[in-house]
N, C-alpha and C. Protein backbone atom coordinates (compact mmCIF):
# COMPACT_ATOMS: atom_id res chain seq x y z
N MET A 1 80.14 66.18 135.48
CA MET A 1 81.45 66.11 134.83
C MET A 1 82.51 66.41 135.89
N LEU A 2 83.64 65.70 135.79
CA LEU A 2 84.75 65.94 136.70
C LEU A 2 85.25 67.37 136.57
N GLN A 3 85.66 67.93 137.69
CA GLN A 3 86.33 69.23 137.64
C GLN A 3 87.65 69.05 136.88
N LEU A 4 88.12 70.10 136.24
CA LEU A 4 89.34 70.02 135.45
C LEU A 4 90.53 69.54 136.28
N ASN A 5 90.63 69.99 137.53
CA ASN A 5 91.73 69.57 138.38
C ASN A 5 91.67 68.07 138.66
N GLU A 6 90.48 67.56 138.95
CA GLU A 6 90.30 66.12 139.19
C GLU A 6 90.63 65.32 137.94
N LEU A 7 90.22 65.82 136.81
CA LEU A 7 90.50 65.16 135.54
C LEU A 7 92.00 65.13 135.28
N ASN A 8 92.67 66.24 135.54
CA ASN A 8 94.11 66.32 135.36
C ASN A 8 94.81 65.27 136.24
N VAL A 9 94.39 65.15 137.49
CA VAL A 9 94.98 64.17 138.41
C VAL A 9 94.75 62.75 137.88
N ALA A 10 93.53 62.46 137.44
CA ALA A 10 93.20 61.12 136.94
C ALA A 10 94.02 60.75 135.71
N LEU A 11 94.15 61.69 134.78
CA LEU A 11 94.91 61.39 133.56
C LEU A 11 96.41 61.36 133.83
N ARG A 12 96.88 62.20 134.76
CA ARG A 12 98.30 62.16 135.15
C ARG A 12 98.63 60.79 135.74
N GLU A 13 97.72 60.24 136.54
CA GLU A 13 97.93 58.91 137.10
C GLU A 13 98.07 57.87 136.00
N ARG A 14 97.26 57.99 134.95
CA ARG A 14 97.35 57.04 133.83
C ARG A 14 98.69 57.19 133.12
N LEU A 15 99.14 58.43 132.93
CA LEU A 15 100.42 58.65 132.27
C LEU A 15 101.59 58.17 133.13
N ASP A 16 101.45 58.25 134.45
CA ASP A 16 102.47 57.69 135.34
C ASP A 16 102.59 56.18 135.14
N VAL A 17 101.46 55.52 134.99
CA VAL A 17 101.47 54.08 134.70
C VAL A 17 102.17 53.82 133.38
N LEU A 18 101.85 54.61 132.37
CA LEU A 18 102.49 54.47 131.06
C LEU A 18 104.01 54.62 131.16
N GLU A 19 104.46 55.63 131.87
CA GLU A 19 105.90 55.85 132.03
C GLU A 19 106.58 54.67 132.74
N THR A 20 105.94 54.16 133.79
CA THR A 20 106.50 53.03 134.54
C THR A 20 106.59 51.79 133.66
N LEU A 21 105.53 51.48 132.94
CA LEU A 21 105.51 50.30 132.08
C LEU A 21 106.48 50.46 130.92
N TRP A 22 106.63 51.68 130.42
CA TRP A 22 107.57 51.93 129.32
C TRP A 22 109.00 51.61 129.80
N LYS A 23 109.34 52.09 130.98
CA LYS A 23 110.68 51.84 131.52
C LYS A 23 110.91 50.34 131.72
N GLN A 24 109.86 49.61 132.05
CA GLN A 24 109.94 48.16 132.22
C GLN A 24 109.90 47.42 130.88
N LYS A 25 109.69 48.18 129.81
CA LYS A 25 109.59 47.63 128.44
C LYS A 25 108.47 46.61 128.32
N ASP A 26 107.36 46.90 129.00
CA ASP A 26 106.22 45.99 129.02
C ASP A 26 105.14 46.50 128.07
N ALA A 27 105.36 46.29 126.78
CA ALA A 27 104.44 46.78 125.76
C ALA A 27 103.05 46.18 125.91
N SER A 28 102.97 44.92 126.25
CA SER A 28 101.67 44.28 126.41
C SER A 28 100.85 44.94 127.51
N ALA A 29 101.48 45.22 128.65
CA ALA A 29 100.77 45.89 129.74
C ALA A 29 100.36 47.30 129.35
N ILE A 30 101.20 48.00 128.60
CA ILE A 30 100.85 49.35 128.13
C ILE A 30 99.56 49.28 127.32
N VAL A 31 99.50 48.35 126.39
CA VAL A 31 98.32 48.23 125.53
C VAL A 31 97.09 47.90 126.36
N HIS A 32 97.21 46.95 127.29
CA HIS A 32 96.04 46.51 128.06
C HIS A 32 95.61 47.51 129.13
N GLN A 33 96.55 48.30 129.64
CA GLN A 33 96.19 49.22 130.72
C GLN A 33 95.93 50.66 130.27
N LEU A 34 96.37 51.01 129.05
CA LEU A 34 96.21 52.40 128.61
C LEU A 34 95.28 52.58 127.42
N TYR A 35 95.14 51.55 126.61
CA TYR A 35 94.38 51.70 125.37
C TYR A 35 93.09 50.90 125.41
N SER A 36 92.15 51.34 124.62
CA SER A 36 90.87 50.67 124.45
C SER A 36 91.00 49.62 123.34
N ASP A 37 90.04 48.71 123.26
CA ASP A 37 90.05 47.72 122.18
C ASP A 37 89.84 48.38 120.82
N GLU A 38 89.38 49.62 120.81
CA GLU A 38 89.07 50.30 119.55
C GLU A 38 89.99 51.48 119.28
N THR A 39 91.12 51.54 119.98
CA THR A 39 92.05 52.66 119.81
C THR A 39 92.60 52.71 118.39
N GLU A 40 92.79 53.93 117.91
CA GLU A 40 93.45 54.18 116.62
C GLU A 40 94.66 55.06 116.87
N ILE A 41 95.78 54.72 116.25
CA ILE A 41 97.02 55.48 116.40
C ILE A 41 97.66 55.67 115.03
N THR A 42 98.12 56.87 114.78
CA THR A 42 98.95 57.14 113.61
C THR A 42 99.79 58.36 113.91
N GLY A 43 100.73 58.62 113.04
CA GLY A 43 101.58 59.78 113.26
C GLY A 43 102.32 60.18 112.00
N ALA A 44 103.05 61.26 112.13
CA ALA A 44 103.85 61.77 111.01
C ALA A 44 104.79 60.66 110.54
N GLY A 45 104.76 60.38 109.26
CA GLY A 45 105.63 59.36 108.69
C GLY A 45 105.10 57.94 108.80
N ALA A 46 104.00 57.74 109.52
CA ALA A 46 103.43 56.40 109.65
C ALA A 46 102.74 56.03 108.34
N SER A 47 102.90 54.79 107.94
CA SER A 47 102.31 54.35 106.68
C SER A 47 100.89 53.80 106.86
N GLN A 48 100.43 53.71 108.11
CA GLN A 48 99.10 53.16 108.33
C GLN A 48 98.44 53.76 109.57
N LEU A 49 97.17 53.48 109.70
CA LEU A 49 96.42 53.79 110.90
C LEU A 49 96.36 52.49 111.69
N TYR A 50 97.03 52.46 112.84
CA TYR A 50 97.05 51.27 113.68
C TYR A 50 95.73 51.19 114.43
N PHE A 51 95.11 50.01 114.40
CA PHE A 51 93.80 49.82 115.02
C PHE A 51 93.75 48.46 115.69
N GLY A 52 93.25 48.42 116.91
CA GLY A 52 93.08 47.16 117.61
C GLY A 52 94.32 46.76 118.39
N SER A 53 94.11 45.91 119.37
CA SER A 53 95.16 45.54 120.32
C SER A 53 96.38 44.89 119.66
N SER A 54 96.17 44.06 118.66
CA SER A 54 97.29 43.37 118.03
C SER A 54 98.21 44.35 117.30
N ALA A 55 97.64 45.18 116.44
CA ALA A 55 98.43 46.15 115.67
C ALA A 55 99.08 47.17 116.60
N ILE A 56 98.34 47.64 117.58
CA ILE A 56 98.89 48.62 118.52
C ILE A 56 99.98 47.97 119.36
N GLY A 57 99.79 46.71 119.74
CA GLY A 57 100.81 45.99 120.49
C GLY A 57 102.12 45.90 119.73
N ASP A 58 102.03 45.62 118.43
CA ASP A 58 103.25 45.55 117.60
C ASP A 58 103.93 46.91 117.53
N LEU A 59 103.15 47.97 117.35
CA LEU A 59 103.70 49.33 117.28
C LEU A 59 104.36 49.70 118.60
N VAL A 60 103.67 49.50 119.71
CA VAL A 60 104.20 49.87 121.02
C VAL A 60 105.45 49.04 121.34
N ALA A 61 105.44 47.76 121.00
CA ALA A 61 106.61 46.92 121.25
C ALA A 61 107.83 47.44 120.50
N ALA A 62 107.64 47.88 119.26
CA ALA A 62 108.76 48.43 118.49
C ALA A 62 109.26 49.73 119.11
N LEU A 63 108.35 50.60 119.53
CA LEU A 63 108.74 51.87 120.13
C LEU A 63 109.46 51.67 121.46
N VAL A 64 108.91 50.81 122.31
CA VAL A 64 109.51 50.52 123.61
C VAL A 64 110.88 49.87 123.44
N GLY A 65 110.99 49.00 122.46
CA GLY A 65 112.25 48.30 122.23
C GLY A 65 113.39 49.21 121.82
N ASP A 66 113.07 50.34 121.21
CA ASP A 66 114.09 51.28 120.73
C ASP A 66 114.47 52.33 121.76
N THR A 67 113.89 52.27 122.96
CA THR A 67 114.11 53.32 123.94
C THR A 67 114.36 52.75 125.34
N ARG A 68 114.90 53.62 126.20
CA ARG A 68 115.11 53.25 127.60
C ARG A 68 113.96 53.69 128.48
N SER A 69 113.45 54.89 128.21
CA SER A 69 112.37 55.43 129.03
C SER A 69 111.68 56.56 128.29
N ALA A 70 110.53 56.95 128.85
CA ALA A 70 109.79 58.09 128.31
C ALA A 70 109.09 58.79 129.47
N SER A 71 109.14 60.11 129.46
CA SER A 71 108.36 60.88 130.41
C SER A 71 107.42 61.77 129.60
N ILE A 72 106.23 61.96 130.14
CA ILE A 72 105.18 62.66 129.40
C ILE A 72 104.62 63.78 130.26
N ARG A 73 104.55 64.96 129.67
CA ARG A 73 103.95 66.09 130.38
C ARG A 73 102.66 66.48 129.67
N ILE A 74 101.66 66.79 130.46
CA ILE A 74 100.40 67.29 129.91
C ILE A 74 100.55 68.78 129.68
N ASP A 75 100.43 69.18 128.42
CA ASP A 75 100.54 70.61 128.07
C ASP A 75 99.20 71.30 128.07
N ARG A 76 98.18 70.60 127.61
CA ARG A 76 96.83 71.15 127.57
C ARG A 76 95.84 70.01 127.81
N LEU A 77 94.75 70.35 128.46
CA LEU A 77 93.72 69.38 128.80
C LEU A 77 92.36 70.02 128.58
N ARG A 78 91.47 69.28 127.96
CA ARG A 78 90.11 69.79 127.75
C ARG A 78 89.11 68.67 127.96
N ALA A 79 88.14 68.89 128.83
CA ALA A 79 87.01 67.97 128.99
C ALA A 79 86.01 68.28 127.89
N LEU A 80 85.58 67.26 127.17
CA LEU A 80 84.64 67.46 126.07
C LEU A 80 83.21 67.15 126.46
N ALA A 81 83.05 66.15 127.29
CA ALA A 81 81.74 65.69 127.76
C ALA A 81 82.02 64.80 128.96
N PRO A 82 81.00 64.43 129.72
CA PRO A 82 81.27 63.50 130.82
C PRO A 82 81.95 62.23 130.28
N GLY A 83 83.12 61.91 130.82
CA GLY A 83 83.82 60.70 130.42
C GLY A 83 84.60 60.79 129.12
N VAL A 84 84.75 62.00 128.57
CA VAL A 84 85.51 62.19 127.33
C VAL A 84 86.36 63.45 127.46
N ALA A 85 87.65 63.33 127.10
CA ALA A 85 88.56 64.47 127.19
C ALA A 85 89.68 64.30 126.17
N TYR A 86 90.44 65.37 125.98
CA TYR A 86 91.67 65.22 125.20
C TYR A 86 92.80 65.94 125.90
N THR A 87 94.01 65.47 125.61
CA THR A 87 95.22 66.12 126.11
C THR A 87 96.20 66.28 124.97
N TRP A 88 96.85 67.43 124.94
CA TRP A 88 98.05 67.61 124.14
C TRP A 88 99.21 67.33 125.09
N VAL A 89 100.11 66.45 124.71
CA VAL A 89 101.21 66.08 125.59
C VAL A 89 102.53 66.16 124.84
N THR A 90 103.60 66.35 125.62
CA THR A 90 104.96 66.29 125.08
C THR A 90 105.69 65.15 125.75
N TRP A 91 106.29 64.32 124.94
CA TRP A 91 107.10 63.19 125.40
C TRP A 91 108.57 63.61 125.41
N GLU A 92 109.30 63.22 126.43
CA GLU A 92 110.76 63.27 126.42
C GLU A 92 111.22 61.83 126.48
N VAL A 93 111.85 61.38 125.40
CA VAL A 93 112.19 59.97 125.25
C VAL A 93 113.71 59.81 125.28
N LEU A 94 114.16 58.83 126.04
CA LEU A 94 115.58 58.49 126.10
C LEU A 94 115.80 57.24 125.26
N SER A 95 116.57 57.38 124.19
CA SER A 95 116.81 56.26 123.29
C SER A 95 117.78 55.26 123.92
N ASN A 96 117.89 54.09 123.33
CA ASN A 96 118.85 53.10 123.80
C ASN A 96 120.28 53.61 123.66
N ALA A 97 120.51 54.55 122.76
CA ALA A 97 121.83 55.14 122.56
C ALA A 97 122.07 56.32 123.52
N ALA A 98 121.20 56.49 124.50
CA ALA A 98 121.29 57.55 125.52
C ALA A 98 121.13 58.95 124.94
N GLU A 99 120.43 59.06 123.82
CA GLU A 99 120.10 60.36 123.24
C GLU A 99 118.64 60.68 123.59
N THR A 100 118.38 61.93 123.90
CA THR A 100 117.03 62.36 124.24
C THR A 100 116.39 63.05 123.05
N PHE A 101 115.13 62.75 122.81
CA PHE A 101 114.38 63.45 121.76
C PHE A 101 112.95 63.67 122.25
N ASN A 102 112.26 64.59 121.57
CA ASN A 102 110.88 64.93 121.96
C ASN A 102 109.90 64.50 120.88
N MET A 103 108.74 64.09 121.36
CA MET A 103 107.59 63.79 120.51
C MET A 103 106.39 64.53 121.12
N LYS A 104 105.38 64.74 120.32
CA LYS A 104 104.14 65.33 120.84
C LYS A 104 102.98 64.47 120.38
N SER A 105 101.96 64.42 121.20
CA SER A 105 100.78 63.61 120.87
C SER A 105 99.51 64.35 121.26
N LEU A 106 98.48 64.05 120.52
CA LEU A 106 97.12 64.41 120.89
C LEU A 106 96.45 63.11 121.30
N PHE A 107 96.13 62.99 122.58
CA PHE A 107 95.42 61.81 123.10
C PHE A 107 93.96 62.17 123.29
N VAL A 108 93.08 61.32 122.79
CA VAL A 108 91.66 61.42 123.09
C VAL A 108 91.37 60.32 124.11
N TRP A 109 90.79 60.71 125.24
CA TRP A 109 90.54 59.81 126.37
C TRP A 109 89.05 59.53 126.52
N LYS A 110 88.76 58.30 126.96
CA LYS A 110 87.37 57.93 127.26
C LYS A 110 87.38 57.15 128.57
N LEU A 111 86.45 57.47 129.44
CA LEU A 111 86.31 56.75 130.70
C LEU A 111 85.50 55.49 130.44
N GLU A 112 86.17 54.33 130.57
CA GLU A 112 85.52 53.04 130.35
C GLU A 112 85.39 52.33 131.69
N SER A 113 84.79 51.17 131.70
CA SER A 113 84.56 50.45 132.96
C SER A 113 85.85 50.17 133.72
N GLN A 114 86.97 49.98 133.01
CA GLN A 114 88.25 49.72 133.65
C GLN A 114 89.07 50.99 133.90
N GLY A 115 88.50 52.15 133.65
CA GLY A 115 89.17 53.42 133.90
C GLY A 115 89.40 54.20 132.61
N TRP A 116 90.17 55.28 132.72
CA TRP A 116 90.46 56.14 131.57
C TRP A 116 91.35 55.40 130.58
N ARG A 117 90.96 55.44 129.30
CA ARG A 117 91.71 54.79 128.24
C ARG A 117 91.89 55.77 127.07
N ILE A 118 93.03 55.64 126.39
CA ILE A 118 93.29 56.43 125.19
C ILE A 118 92.57 55.74 124.04
N VAL A 119 91.72 56.48 123.33
CA VAL A 119 90.98 55.90 122.21
C VAL A 119 91.50 56.40 120.87
N ALA A 120 92.33 57.44 120.89
CA ALA A 120 92.96 57.92 119.67
C ALA A 120 94.25 58.62 120.06
N ASP A 121 95.27 58.44 119.21
CA ASP A 121 96.59 59.03 119.46
C ASP A 121 97.17 59.45 118.12
N MET A 122 97.48 60.72 118.00
CA MET A 122 98.15 61.26 116.82
C MET A 122 99.46 61.84 117.29
N TYR A 123 100.58 61.37 116.75
CA TYR A 123 101.90 61.79 117.23
C TYR A 123 102.75 62.39 116.11
N ALA A 124 103.73 63.19 116.53
CA ALA A 124 104.68 63.81 115.60
C ALA A 124 105.94 64.18 116.38
N ASP A 125 106.99 64.52 115.66
CA ASP A 125 108.21 65.01 116.31
C ASP A 125 107.95 66.39 116.91
N GLY A 126 108.70 66.68 117.98
CA GLY A 126 108.67 68.03 118.52
C GLY A 126 107.94 68.14 119.84
N VAL A 127 107.69 69.39 120.23
CA VAL A 127 107.04 69.69 121.51
C VAL A 127 105.80 70.53 121.24
N ILE A 128 104.88 70.50 122.19
CA ILE A 128 103.71 71.37 122.11
C ILE A 128 104.16 72.77 122.53
N PRO A 129 103.94 73.78 121.70
CA PRO A 129 104.36 75.14 122.07
C PRO A 129 103.53 75.70 123.21
N ASN A 130 104.16 76.55 124.00
CA ASN A 130 103.45 77.20 125.12
C ASN A 130 102.49 78.25 124.63
């Protein structure tokens, strides 16, 4: 199993890609480079559990379209088994209206042949407490 520090570096690299693609408003690349074909996403106020590339692509496109950028900090990281981990993260999002707001997510990660991918994402308003 990867050491926690190595895992942190690997997942931070993935989140850096997410931030870059978000700023470029490239929802399709976000879905293909960060999520698995079997990813599930839902959150507070969501009316459904988004599953699969098409549904997740629509969700990400809507989120990216409403914002200018997003930065994500890893608040907590836990390796569960070789190739499986989770992170609690806090998002700082800049809206198109230049207002900043925070979201928090629980990402479940799996190491697949193409690298680390998010296989589950649960999001809500706010920040992860220290």
